[in-house]
């Protein structure tokens, strides 16, 4: 077999419900352990290949108590299949690792 097979997982561009998370890790230690709300507008897609060049980042809105909502980049590939967690990148470059509060179903 002389070809490389590339599989794409495509997602719709629908806004998900606003869900509550706890910040497990903040790369700048500012928001660790805080409760936040995340609404995902576009979950992006994850390319399965030898290169991550084809990954398409998602987009969302993150709400942190006491601050204005901020648009974030949602990482689609690092926690694939784990609906209780999200990784988001803020405009200032910090990365937040989020764990969901409450119960979620796959049939959203």
PDB file of N, CA and C in Angstrom:
ATOM      1  N   UNK A   1       0.851  -1.185   0.000  1.00  0.00           N
ATOM      2  CA  UNK A   1       0.000   0.000   0.000  1.00  0.00           C
ATOM      3  C   UNK A   1       0.887   1.235   0.000  1.00  0.00           C
ATOM      4  N   UNK A   2       0.756   1.983  -1.041  1.00  0.00           N
ATOM      5  CA  UNK A   2       1.630   3.137  -1.199  1.00  0.00           C
ATOM      6  C   UNK A   2       0.923   4.453  -0.898  1.00  0.00           C
ATOM      7  N   UNK A   3      -0.207   4.408  -0.269  1.00  0.00           N
ATOM      8  CA  UNK A   3      -0.942   5.642   0.004  1.00  0.00           C
ATOM      9  C   UNK A   3      -1.097   5.897   1.483  1.00  0.00           C
ATOM     10  N   UNK A   4      -1.305   7.126   1.795  1.00  0.00           N
ATOM     11  CA  UNK A   4      -1.585   7.505   3.173  1.00  0.00           C
ATOM     12  C   UNK A   4      -3.077   7.800   3.260  1.00  0.00           C
ATOM     13  N   UNK A   5      -3.738   7.148   4.174  1.00  0.00           N
ATOM     14  CA  UNK A   5      -5.173   7.351   4.342  1.00  0.00           C
ATOM     15  C   UNK A   5      -5.378   8.439   5.384  1.00  0.00           C
ATOM     16  N   UNK A   6      -6.167   9.414   5.017  1.00  0.00           N
ATOM     17  CA  UNK A   6      -6.489  10.506   5.938  1.00  0.00           C
ATOM     18  C   UNK A   6      -7.987  10.469   6.185  1.00  0.00           C
ATOM     19  N   UNK A   7      -8.364  10.355   7.438  1.00  0.00           N
ATOM     20  CA  UNK A   7      -9.767  10.337   7.820  1.00  0.00           C
ATOM     21  C   UNK A   7     -10.116  11.662   8.474  1.00  0.00           C
ATOM     22  N   UNK A   8     -11.260  12.194   8.144  1.00  0.00           N
ATOM     23  CA  UNK A   8     -11.708  13.439   8.746  1.00  0.00           C
ATOM     24  C   UNK A   8     -12.982  13.198   9.526  1.00  0.00           C
ATOM     25  N   UNK A   9     -13.066  13.839  10.674  1.00  0.00           N
ATOM     26  CA  UNK A   9     -14.275  13.793  11.478  1.00  0.00           C
ATOM     27  C   UNK A   9     -14.898  15.167  11.371  1.00  0.00           C
ATOM     28  N   UNK A  10     -16.026  15.260  10.724  1.00  0.00           N
ATOM     29  CA  UNK A  10     -16.668  16.553  10.500  1.00  0.00           C
ATOM     30  C   UNK A  10     -17.763  16.777  11.526  1.00  0.00           C
ATOM     31  N   UNK A  11     -17.921  18.011  11.935  1.00  0.00           N
ATOM     32  CA  UNK A  11     -18.935  18.389  12.908  1.00  0.00           C
ATOM     33  C   UNK A  11     -19.773  19.512  12.340  1.00  0.00           C
ATOM     34  N   UNK A  12     -20.986  19.625  12.799  1.00  0.00           N
ATOM     35  CA  UNK A  12     -21.840  20.724  12.362  1.00  0.00           C
ATOM     36  C   UNK A  12     -21.411  22.012  13.052  1.00  0.00           C
ATOM     37  N   UNK A  13     -21.828  23.126  12.501  1.00  0.00           N
ATOM     38  CA  UNK A  13     -21.463  24.426  13.044  1.00  0.00           C
ATOM     39  C   UNK A  13     -22.648  24.980  13.831  1.00  0.00           C
ATOM     40  N   UNK A  14     -23.047  24.290  14.871  1.00  0.00           N
ATOM     41  CA  UNK A  14     -24.156  24.713  15.709  1.00  0.00           C
ATOM     42  C   UNK A  14     -23.629  25.087  17.085  1.00  0.00           C
ATOM     43  N   UNK A  15     -24.250  26.081  17.685  1.00  0.00           N
ATOM     44  CA  UNK A  15     -23.873  26.451  19.032  1.00  0.00           C
ATOM     45  C   UNK A  15     -24.404  25.407  20.009  1.00  0.00           C
ATOM     46  N   UNK A  16     -23.529  24.933  20.879  1.00  0.00           N
ATOM     47  CA  UNK A  16     -23.958  23.986  21.896  1.00  0.00           C
ATOM     48  C   UNK A  16     -24.568  24.765  23.056  1.00  0.00           C
ATOM     49  N   UNK A  17     -25.210  24.051  23.934  1.00  0.00           N
ATOM     50  CA  UNK A  17     -25.752  24.685  25.128  1.00  0.00           C
ATOM     51  C   UNK A  17     -24.615  25.294  25.942  1.00  0.00           C
ATOM     52  N   UNK A  18     -24.964  26.294  26.690  1.00  0.00           N
ATOM     53  CA  UNK A  18     -24.018  26.922  27.609  1.00  0.00           C
ATOM     54  C   UNK A  18     -23.819  25.946  28.767  1.00  0.00           C
ATOM     55  N   UNK A  19     -22.591  25.494  28.964  1.00  0.00           N
ATOM     56  CA  UNK A  19     -22.308  24.496  30.001  1.00  0.00           C
ATOM     57  C   UNK A  19     -21.311  25.039  31.008  1.00  0.00           C
ATOM     58  N   UNK A  20     -21.450  24.555  32.234  1.00  0.00           N
ATOM     59  CA  UNK A  20     -20.576  25.011  33.306  1.00  0.00           C
ATOM     60  C   UNK A  20     -19.400  24.052  33.473  1.00  0.00           C
ATOM     61  N   UNK A  21     -18.218  24.630  33.649  1.00  0.00           N
ATOM     62  CA  UNK A  21     -16.980  23.876  33.823  1.00  0.00           C
ATOM     63  C   UNK A  21     -16.200  24.438  35.007  1.00  0.00           C
ATOM     64  N   UNK A  22     -15.251  23.654  35.487  1.00  0.00           N
ATOM     65  CA  UNK A  22     -14.260  24.124  36.445  1.00  0.00           C
ATOM     66  C   UNK A  22     -12.920  24.145  35.723  1.00  0.00           C
ATOM     67  N   UNK A  23     -12.147  25.195  35.926  1.00  0.00           N
ATOM     68  CA  UNK A  23     -10.828  25.279  35.315  1.00  0.00           C
ATOM     69  C   UNK A  23      -9.897  24.368  36.114  1.00  0.00           C
ATOM     70  N   UNK A  24      -9.473  23.262  35.492  1.00  0.00           N
ATOM     71  CA  UNK A  24      -8.538  22.339  36.144  1.00  0.00           C
ATOM     72  C   UNK A  24      -7.125  22.888  36.119  1.00  0.00           C
ATOM     73  N   UNK A  25      -6.732  23.414  34.962  1.00  0.00           N
ATOM     74  CA  UNK A  25      -5.380  23.956  34.804  1.00  0.00           C
ATOM     75  C   UNK A  25      -5.465  25.233  33.982  1.00  0.00           C
ATOM     76  N   UNK A  26      -4.767  26.256  34.430  1.00  0.00           N
ATOM     77  CA  UNK A  26      -4.606  27.499  33.688  1.00  0.00           C
ATOM     78  C   UNK A  26      -3.106  27.670  33.514  1.00  0.00           C
ATOM     79  N   UNK A  27      -2.634  27.809  32.271  1.00  0.00           N
ATOM     80  CA  UNK A  27      -1.190  27.884  32.028  1.00  0.00           C
ATOM     81  C   UNK A  27      -0.549  29.108  32.663  1.00  0.00           C
ATOM     82  N   UNK A  28      -1.349  30.073  33.123  1.00  0.00           N
ATOM     83  CA  UNK A  28      -0.799  31.237  33.829  1.00  0.00           C
ATOM     84  C   UNK A  28      -1.306  31.309  35.274  1.00  0.00           C
ATOM     85  N   UNK A  29      -1.945  30.244  35.738  1.00  0.00           N
ATOM     86  CA  UNK A  29      -2.407  30.122  37.130  1.00  0.00           C
ATOM     87  C   UNK A  29      -3.298  31.260  37.612  1.00  0.00           C
ATOM     88  N   UNK A  30      -4.076  31.876  36.720  1.00  0.00           N
ATOM     89  CA  UNK A  30      -4.967  32.956  37.119  1.00  0.00           C
ATOM     90  C   UNK A  30      -6.354  32.447  37.460  1.00  0.00           C
ATOM     91  N   UNK A  31      -6.886  31.528  36.660  1.00  0.00           N
ATOM     92  CA  UNK A  31      -8.268  31.089  36.811  1.00  0.00           C
ATOM     93  C   UNK A  31      -8.398  29.665  37.338  1.00  0.00           C
ATOM     94  N   UNK A  32      -7.331  29.046  37.787  1.00  0.00           N
ATOM     95  CA  UNK A  32      -7.393  27.671  38.287  1.00  0.00           C
ATOM     96  C   UNK A  32      -8.455  27.538  39.369  1.00  0.00           C
ATOM     97  N   UNK A  33      -9.259  26.486  39.261  1.00  0.00           N
ATOM     98  CA  UNK A  33     -10.326  26.126  40.204  1.00  0.00           C
ATOM     99  C   UNK A  33     -11.567  27.017  40.104  1.00  0.00           C
ATOM    100  N   UNK A  34     -11.587  28.004  39.205  1.00  0.00           N
ATOM    101  CA  UNK A  34     -12.778  28.849  39.049  1.00  0.00           C
ATOM    102  C   UNK A  34     -13.819  28.141  38.201  1.00  0.00           C
ATOM    103  N   UNK A  35     -15.059  28.476  38.460  1.00  0.00           N
ATOM    104  CA  UNK A  35     -16.165  27.971  37.644  1.00  0.00           C
ATOM    105  C   UNK A  35     -16.377  28.944  36.483  1.00  0.00           C
ATOM    106  N   UNK A  36     -16.561  28.384  35.292  1.00  0.00           N
ATOM    107  CA  UNK A  36     -16.764  29.182  34.086  1.00  0.00           C
ATOM    108  C   UNK A  36     -17.908  28.580  33.276  1.00  0.00           C
ATOM    109  N   UNK A  37     -18.416  29.326  32.301  1.00  0.00           N
ATOM    110  CA  UNK A  37     -19.415  28.823  31.361  1.00  0.00           C
ATOM    111  C   UNK A  37     -18.813  28.871  29.965  1.00  0.00           C
ATOM    112  N   UNK A  38     -19.056  27.819  29.186  1.00  0.00           N
ATOM    113  CA  UNK A  38     -18.550  27.745  27.822  1.00  0.00           C
ATOM    114  C   UNK A  38     -19.691  27.400  26.879  1.00  0.00           C
ATOM    115  N   UNK A  39     -19.818  28.192  25.814  1.00  0.00           N
ATOM    116  CA  UNK A  39     -20.737  27.906  24.716  1.00  0.00           C
ATOM    117  C   UNK A  39     -19.870  27.691  23.489  1.00  0.00           C
ATOM    118  N   UNK A  40     -19.994  26.532  22.855  1.00  0.00           N
ATOM    119  CA  UNK A  40     -19.189  26.238  21.676  1.00  0.00           C
ATOM    120  C   UNK A  40     -20.025  26.543  20.438  1.00  0.00           C
ATOM    121  N   UNK A  41     -19.484  27.395  19.562  1.00  0.00           N
ATOM    122  CA  UNK A  41     -20.177  27.788  18.341  1.00  0.00           C
ATOM    123  C   UNK A  41     -19.797  26.877  17.181  1.00  0.00           C
ATOM    124  N   UNK A  42     -18.555  26.398  17.187  1.00  0.00           N
ATOM    125  CA  UNK A  42     -18.044  25.525  16.140  1.00  0.00           C
ATOM    126  C   UNK A  42     -17.043  24.589  16.805  1.00  0.00           C
ATOM    127  N   UNK A  43     -17.331  23.285  16.829  1.00  0.00           N
ATOM    128  CA  UNK A  43     -16.456  22.344  17.520  1.00  0.00           C
ATOM    129  C   UNK A  43     -15.195  22.024  16.741  1.00  0.00           C
ATOM    130  N   UNK A  44     -15.110  22.443  15.476  1.00  0.00           N
ATOM    131  CA  UNK A  44     -13.924  22.179  14.683  1.00  0.00           C
ATOM    132  C   UNK A  44     -13.912  20.746  14.199  1.00  0.00           C
ATOM    133  N   UNK A  45     -12.774  20.310  13.713  1.00  0.00           N
ATOM    134  CA  UNK A  45     -12.640  18.924  13.279  1.00  0.00           C
ATOM    135  C   UNK A  45     -11.218  18.470  13.502  1.00  0.00           C
ATOM    136  N   UNK A  46     -11.074  17.190  13.604  1.00  0.00           N
ATOM    137  CA  UNK A  46      -9.784  16.594  13.906  1.00  0.00           C
ATOM    138  C   UNK A  46      -9.388  15.671  12.763  1.00  0.00           C
ATOM    139  N   UNK A  47      -8.226  15.915  12.175  1.00  0.00           N
ATOM    140  CA  UNK A  47      -7.718  15.065  11.093  1.00  0.00           C
ATOM    141  C   UNK A  47      -6.850  13.976  11.702  1.00  0.00           C
ATOM    142  N   UNK A  48      -7.084  12.747  11.298  1.00  0.00           N
ATOM    143  CA  UNK A  48      -6.287  11.629  11.786  1.00  0.00           C
ATOM    144  C   UNK A  48      -5.255  11.311  10.708  1.00  0.00           C
ATOM    145  N   UNK A  49      -4.030  11.750  10.938  1.00  0.00           N
ATOM    146  CA  UNK A  49      -2.960  11.513   9.978  1.00  0.00           C
ATOM    147  C   UNK A  49      -1.626  11.673  10.688  1.00  0.00           C
ATOM    148  N   UNK A  50      -0.548  11.590   9.938  1.00  0.00           N
ATOM    149  CA  UNK A  50       0.775  11.745  10.537  1.00  0.00           C
ATOM    150  C   UNK A  50       1.071  13.192  10.868  1.00  0.00           C
ATOM    151  N   UNK A  51       0.292  14.117  10.327  1.00  0.00           N
ATOM    152  CA  UNK A  51       0.485  15.539  10.572  1.00  0.00           C
ATOM    153  C   UNK A  51      -0.819  16.138  11.069  1.00  0.00           C
ATOM    154  N   UNK A  52      -0.715  17.066  11.989  1.00  0.00           N
ATOM    155  CA  UNK A  52      -1.915  17.752  12.477  1.00  0.00           C
ATOM    156  C   UNK A  52      -2.212  18.995  11.657  1.00  0.00           C
ATOM    157  N   UNK A  53      -1.597  19.126  10.480  1.00  0.00           N
ATOM    158  CA  UNK A  53      -1.770  20.315   9.651  1.00  0.00           C
ATOM    159  C   UNK A  53      -3.217  20.512   9.209  1.00  0.00           C
ATOM    160  N   UNK A  54      -4.013  19.439   9.191  1.00  0.00           N
ATOM    161  CA  UNK A  54      -5.381  19.542   8.715  1.00  0.00           C
ATOM    162  C   UNK A  54      -6.404  19.736   9.828  1.00  0.00           C
ATOM    163  N   UNK A  55      -5.984  19.859  11.073  1.00  0.00           N
ATOM    164  CA  UNK A  55      -6.911  20.103  12.168  1.00  0.00           C
ATOM    165  C   UNK A  55      -7.541  21.484  11.998  1.00  0.00           C
ATOM    166  N   UNK A  56      -8.829  21.566  12.255  1.00  0.00           N
ATOM    167  CA  UNK A  56      -9.532  22.838  12.183  1.00  0.00           C
ATOM    168  C   UNK A  56     -10.003  23.185  13.590  1.00  0.00           C
ATOM    169  N   UNK A  57      -9.519  24.285  14.118  1.00  0.00           N
ATOM    170  CA  UNK A  57      -9.859  24.697  15.474  1.00  0.00           C
ATOM    171  C   UNK A  57     -11.326  25.095  15.565  1.00  0.00           C
ATOM    172  N   UNK A  58     -11.909  24.868  16.733  1.00  0.00           N
ATOM    173  CA  UNK A  58     -13.273  25.293  16.986  1.00  0.00           C
ATOM    174  C   UNK A  58     -13.294  26.690  17.570  1.00  0.00           C
ATOM    175  N   UNK A  59     -14.505  27.196  17.792  1.00  0.00           N
ATOM    176  CA  UNK A  59     -14.676  28.524  18.360  1.00  0.00           C
ATOM    177  C   UNK A  59     -15.761  28.483  19.418  1.00  0.00           C
ATOM    178  N   UNK A  60     -15.598  29.304  20.437  1.00  0.00           N
ATOM    179  CA  UNK A  60     -16.594  29.365  21.487  1.00  0.00           C
ATOM    180  C   UNK A  60     -16.537  30.677  22.235  1.00  0.00           C
ATOM    181  N   UNK A  61     -17.444  30.806  23.204  1.00  0.00           N
ATOM    182  CA  UNK A  61     -17.478  31.966  24.085  1.00  0.00           C
ATOM    183  C   UNK A  61     -17.318  31.475  25.508  1.00  0.00           C
ATOM    184  N   UNK A  62     -16.359  32.035  26.223  1.00  0.00           N
ATOM    185  CA  UNK A  62     -16.083  31.666  27.607  1.00  0.00           C
ATOM    186  C   UNK A  62     -16.518  32.812  28.506  1.00  0.00           C
ATOM    187  N   UNK A  63     -17.271  32.457  29.553  1.00  0.00           N
ATOM    188  CA  UNK A  63     -17.714  33.451  30.529  1.00  0.00           C
ATOM    189  C   UNK A  63     -17.048  33.142  31.868  1.00  0.00           C
ATOM    190  N   UNK A  64     -16.327  34.123  32.381  1.00  0.00           N
ATOM    191  CA  UNK A  64     -15.673  34.021  33.686  1.00  0.00           C
ATOM    192  C   UNK A  64     -16.315  35.062  34.588  1.00  0.00           C
ATOM    193  N   UNK A  65     -16.712  34.676  35.786  1.00  0.00           N
ATOM    194  CA  UNK A  65     -17.392  35.589  36.706  1.00  0.00           C
ATOM    195  C   UNK A  65     -16.564  36.854  36.890  1.00  0.00           C
ATOM    196  N   UNK A  66     -17.242  38.002  36.730  1.00  0.00           N
ATOM    197  CA  UNK A  66     -16.589  39.288  36.932  1.00  0.00           C
ATOM    198  C   UNK A  66     -15.919  39.852  35.686  1.00  0.00           C
ATOM    199  N   UNK A  67     -15.903  39.093  34.576  1.00  0.00           N
ATOM    200  CA  UNK A  67     -15.284  39.567  33.338  1.00  0.00           C
ATOM    201  C   UNK A  67     -16.294  39.503  32.199  1.00  0.00           C
ATOM    202  N   UNK A  68     -16.053  40.293  31.160  1.00  0.00           N
ATOM    203  CA  UNK A  68     -16.882  40.218  29.972  1.00  0.00           C
ATOM    204  C   UNK A  68     -16.635  38.886  29.267  1.00  0.00           C
ATOM    205  N   UNK A  69     -17.652  38.327  28.592  1.00  0.00           N
ATOM    206  CA  UNK A  69     -17.448  37.097  27.826  1.00  0.00           C
ATOM    207  C   UNK A  69     -16.348  37.309  26.785  1.00  0.00           C
ATOM    208  N   UNK A  70     -15.585  36.259  26.518  1.00  0.00           N
ATOM    209  CA  UNK A  70     -14.470  36.352  25.586  1.00  0.00           C
ATOM    210  C   UNK A  70     -14.548  35.200  24.575  1.00  0.00           C
ATOM    211  N   UNK A  71     -14.224  35.513  23.319  1.00  0.00           N
ATOM    212  CA  UNK A  71     -14.186  34.489  22.281  1.00  0.00           C
ATOM    213  C   UNK A  71     -12.912  33.669  22.466  1.00  0.00           C
ATOM    214  N   UNK A  72     -13.040  32.347  22.379  1.00  0.00           N
ATOM    215  CA  UNK A  72     -11.898  31.455  22.584  1.00  0.00           C
ATOM    216  C   UNK A  72     -11.783  30.471  21.424  1.00  0.00           C
ATOM    217  N   UNK A  73     -10.603  29.885  21.307  1.00  0.00           N
ATOM    218  CA  UNK A  73     -10.363  28.809  20.357  1.00  0.00           C
ATOM    219  C   UNK A  73     -10.561  27.501  21.117  1.00  0.00           C
ATOM    220  N   UNK A  74     -11.334  26.577  20.545  1.00  0.00           N
ATOM    221  CA  UNK A  74     -11.589  25.278  21.169  1.00  0.00           C
ATOM    222  C   UNK A  74     -10.725  24.246  20.458  1.00  0.00           C
ATOM    223  N   UNK A  75      -9.892  23.537  21.211  1.00  0.00           N
ATOM    224  CA  UNK A  75      -9.012  22.506  20.650  1.00  0.00           C
ATOM    225  C   UNK A  75      -9.826  21.241  20.410  1.00  0.00           C
ATOM    226  N   UNK A  76      -9.965  20.789  19.162  1.00  0.00           N
ATOM    227  CA  UNK A  76     -10.837  19.649  18.864  1.00  0.00           C
ATOM    228  C   UNK A  76     -10.200  18.278  19.041  1.00  0.00           C
ATOM    229  N   UNK A  77      -8.872  18.197  19.127  1.00  0.00           N
ATOM    230  CA  UNK A  77      -8.230  16.889  18.997  1.00  0.00           C
ATOM    231  C   UNK A  77      -7.635  16.300  20.268  1.00  0.00           C
ATOM    232  N   UNK A  78      -7.245  17.119  21.219  1.00  0.00           N
ATOM    233  CA  UNK A  78      -6.495  16.606  22.353  1.00  0.00           C
ATOM    234  C   UNK A  78      -7.301  15.697  23.260  1.00  0.00           C
ATOM    235  N   UNK A  79      -8.577  15.977  23.435  1.00  0.00           N
ATOM    236  CA  UNK A  79      -9.414  15.196  24.343  1.00  0.00           C
ATOM    237  C   UNK A  79     -10.552  14.536  23.594  1.00  0.00           C
ATOM    238  N   UNK A  80     -10.310  14.132  22.376  1.00  0.00           N
ATOM    239  CA  UNK A  80     -11.353  13.566  21.525  1.00  0.00           C
ATOM    240  C   UNK A  80     -12.101  12.436  22.228  1.00  0.00           C
ATOM    241  N   UNK A  81     -13.415  12.519  22.217  1.00  0.00           N
ATOM    242  CA  UNK A  81     -14.245  11.480  22.815  1.00  0.00           C
ATOM    243  C   UNK A  81     -14.589  11.717  24.270  1.00  0.00           C
ATOM    244  N   UNK A  82     -13.916  12.638  24.936  1.00  0.00           N
ATOM    245  CA  UNK A  82     -14.201  12.928  26.342  1.00  0.00           C
ATOM    246  C   UNK A  82     -15.065  14.181  26.409  1.00  0.00           C
ATOM    247  N   UNK A  83     -16.394  13.982  26.477  1.00  0.00           N
ATOM    248  CA  UNK A  83     -17.307  15.129  26.461  1.00  0.00           C
ATOM    249  C   UNK A  83     -17.323  15.905  27.774  1.00  0.00           C
ATOM    250  N   UNK A  84     -16.681  15.387  28.812  1.00  0.00           N
ATOM    251  CA  UNK A  84     -16.680  16.083  30.099  1.00  0.00           C
ATOM    252  C   UNK A  84     -15.527  17.074  30.217  1.00  0.00           C
ATOM    253  N   UNK A  85     -14.679  17.161  29.193  1.00  0.00           N
ATOM    254  CA  UNK A  85     -13.522  18.061  29.246  1.00  0.00           C
ATOM    255  C   UNK A  85     -13.401  18.855  27.952  1.00  0.00           C
ATOM    256  N   UNK A  86     -12.803  20.034  28.088  1.00  0.00           N
ATOM    257  CA  UNK A  86     -12.508  20.884  26.946  1.00  0.00           C
ATOM    258  C   UNK A  86     -11.172  21.566  27.192  1.00  0.00           C
ATOM    259  N   UNK A  87     -10.479  21.896  26.108  1.00  0.00           N
ATOM    260  CA  UNK A  87      -9.282  22.719  26.169  1.00  0.00           C
ATOM    261  C   UNK A  87      -9.552  23.936  25.311  1.00  0.00           C
ATOM    262  N   UNK A  88      -9.375  25.123  25.899  1.00  0.00           N
ATOM    263  CA  UNK A  88      -9.617  26.356  25.162  1.00  0.00           C
ATOM    264  C   UNK A  88      -8.405  27.267  25.268  1.00  0.00           C
ATOM    265  N   UNK A  89      -8.225  28.084  24.219  1.00  0.00           N
ATOM    266  CA  UNK A  89      -7.147  29.063  24.211  1.00  0.00           C
ATOM    267  C   UNK A  89      -7.757  30.450  24.205  1.00  0.00           C
ATOM    268  N   UNK A  90      -7.353  31.283  25.155  1.00  0.00           N
ATOM    269  CA  UNK A  90      -7.836  32.643  25.257  1.00  0.00           C
ATOM    270  C   UNK A  90      -7.070  33.547  24.292  1.00  0.00           C
ATOM    271  N   UNK A  91      -7.606  34.731  23.973  1.00  0.00           N
ATOM    272  CA  UNK A  91      -6.923  35.642  23.050  1.00  0.00           C
ATOM    273  C   UNK A  91      -5.507  36.029  23.497  1.00  0.00           C
ATOM    274  N   UNK A  92      -5.237  36.033  24.799  1.00  0.00           N
ATOM    275  CA  UNK A  92      -3.901  36.401  25.276  1.00  0.00           C
ATOM    276  C   UNK A  92      -2.907  35.243  25.216  1.00  0.00           C
ATOM    277  N   UNK A  93      -3.357  34.077  24.712  1.00  0.00           N
ATOM    278  CA  UNK A  93      -2.457  32.937  24.545  1.00  0.00           C
ATOM    279  C   UNK A  93      -2.502  31.913  25.664  1.00  0.00           C
ATOM    280  N   UNK A  94      -3.103  32.249  26.793  1.00  0.00           N
ATOM    281  CA  UNK A  94      -3.179  31.278  27.888  1.00  0.00           C
ATOM    282  C   UNK A  94      -4.099  30.136  27.485  1.00  0.00           C
ATOM    283  N   UNK A  95      -3.844  28.955  28.012  1.00  0.00           N
ATOM    284  CA  UNK A  95      -4.646  27.775  27.723  1.00  0.00           C
ATOM    285  C   UNK A  95      -5.308  27.318  29.013  1.00  0.00           C
ATOM    286  N   UNK A  96      -6.616  27.021  28.924  1.00  0.00           N
ATOM    287  CA  UNK A  96      -7.371  26.529  30.070  1.00  0.00           C
ATOM    288  C   UNK A  96      -7.829  25.109  29.791  1.00  0.00           C
ATOM    289  N   UNK A  97      -7.616  24.235  30.750  1.00  0.00           N
ATOM    290  CA  UNK A  97      -8.115  22.865  30.700  1.00  0.00           C
ATOM    291  C   UNK A  97      -9.343  22.821  31.587  1.00  0.00           C
ATOM    292  N   UNK A  98     -10.482  22.492  30.996  1.00  0.00           N
ATOM    293  CA  UNK A  98     -11.762  22.569  31.697  1.00  0.00           C
ATOM    294  C   UNK A  98     -12.351  21.190  31.940  1.00  0.00           C
ATOM    295  N   UNK A  99     -12.993  21.011  33.109  1.00  0.00           N
ATOM    296  CA  UNK A  99     -13.740  19.794  33.416  1.00  0.00           C
ATOM    297  C   UNK A  99     -15.181  20.192  33.669  1.00  0.00           C
ATOM    298  N   UNK A 100     -16.096  19.485  33.023  1.00  0.00           N
ATOM    299  CA  UNK A 100     -17.522  19.806  33.113  1.00  0.00           C
ATOM    300  C   UNK A 100     -18.076  19.524  34.502  1.00  0.00           C
ATOM    301  N   UNK A 101     -19.037  20.351  34.873  1.00  0.00           N
ATOM    302  CA  UNK A 101     -19.810  20.127  36.090  1.00  0.00           C
ATOM    303  C   UNK A 101     -21.159  19.588  35.668  1.00  0.00           C
ATOM    304  N   UNK A 102     -21.680  18.631  36.346  1.00  0.00           N
ATOM    305  CA  UNK A 102     -22.986  18.081  35.990  1.00  0.00           C
ATOM    306  C   UNK A 102     -22.847  16.887  35.077  1.00  0.00           C
ATOM    307  N   UNK A 103     -24.005  16.407  34.597  1.00  0.00           N
ATOM    308  CA  UNK A 103     -24.047  15.212  33.761  1.00  0.00           C
ATOM    309  C   UNK A 103     -24.308  15.611  32.331  1.00  0.00           C
ATOM    310  N   UNK A 104     -23.686  14.870  31.422  1.00  0.00           N
ATOM    311  CA  UNK A 104     -23.861  15.117  29.996  1.00  0.00           C
ATOM    312  C   UNK A 104     -24.226  13.829  29.314  1.00  0.00           C
ATOM    313  N   UNK A 105     -24.986  13.934  28.258  1.00  0.00           N
ATOM    314  CA  UNK A 105     -25.293  12.755  27.461  1.00  0.00           C
ATOM    315  C   UNK A 105     -24.762  12.978  26.049  1.00  0.00           C
ATOM    316  N   UNK A 106     -24.493  11.917  25.339  1.00  0.00           N
ATOM    317  CA  UNK A 106     -24.002  12.018  23.978  1.00  0.00           C
ATOM    318  C   UNK A 106     -25.088  12.482  23.026  1.00  0.00           C
ATOM    319  N   UNK A 107     -26.348  12.394  23.439  1.00  0.00           N
ATOM    320  CA  UNK A 107     -27.462  12.757  22.563  1.00  0.00           C
ATOM    321  C   UNK A 107     -27.902  14.197  22.791  1.00  0.00           C
ATOM    322  N   UNK A 108     -27.077  15.061  23.389  1.00  0.00           N
ATOM    323  CA  UNK A 108     -27.277  16.433  23.690  1.00  0.00           C
ATOM    324  C   UNK A 108     -28.503  17.099  23.355  1.00  0.00           C
TER     325      UNK A 108
END
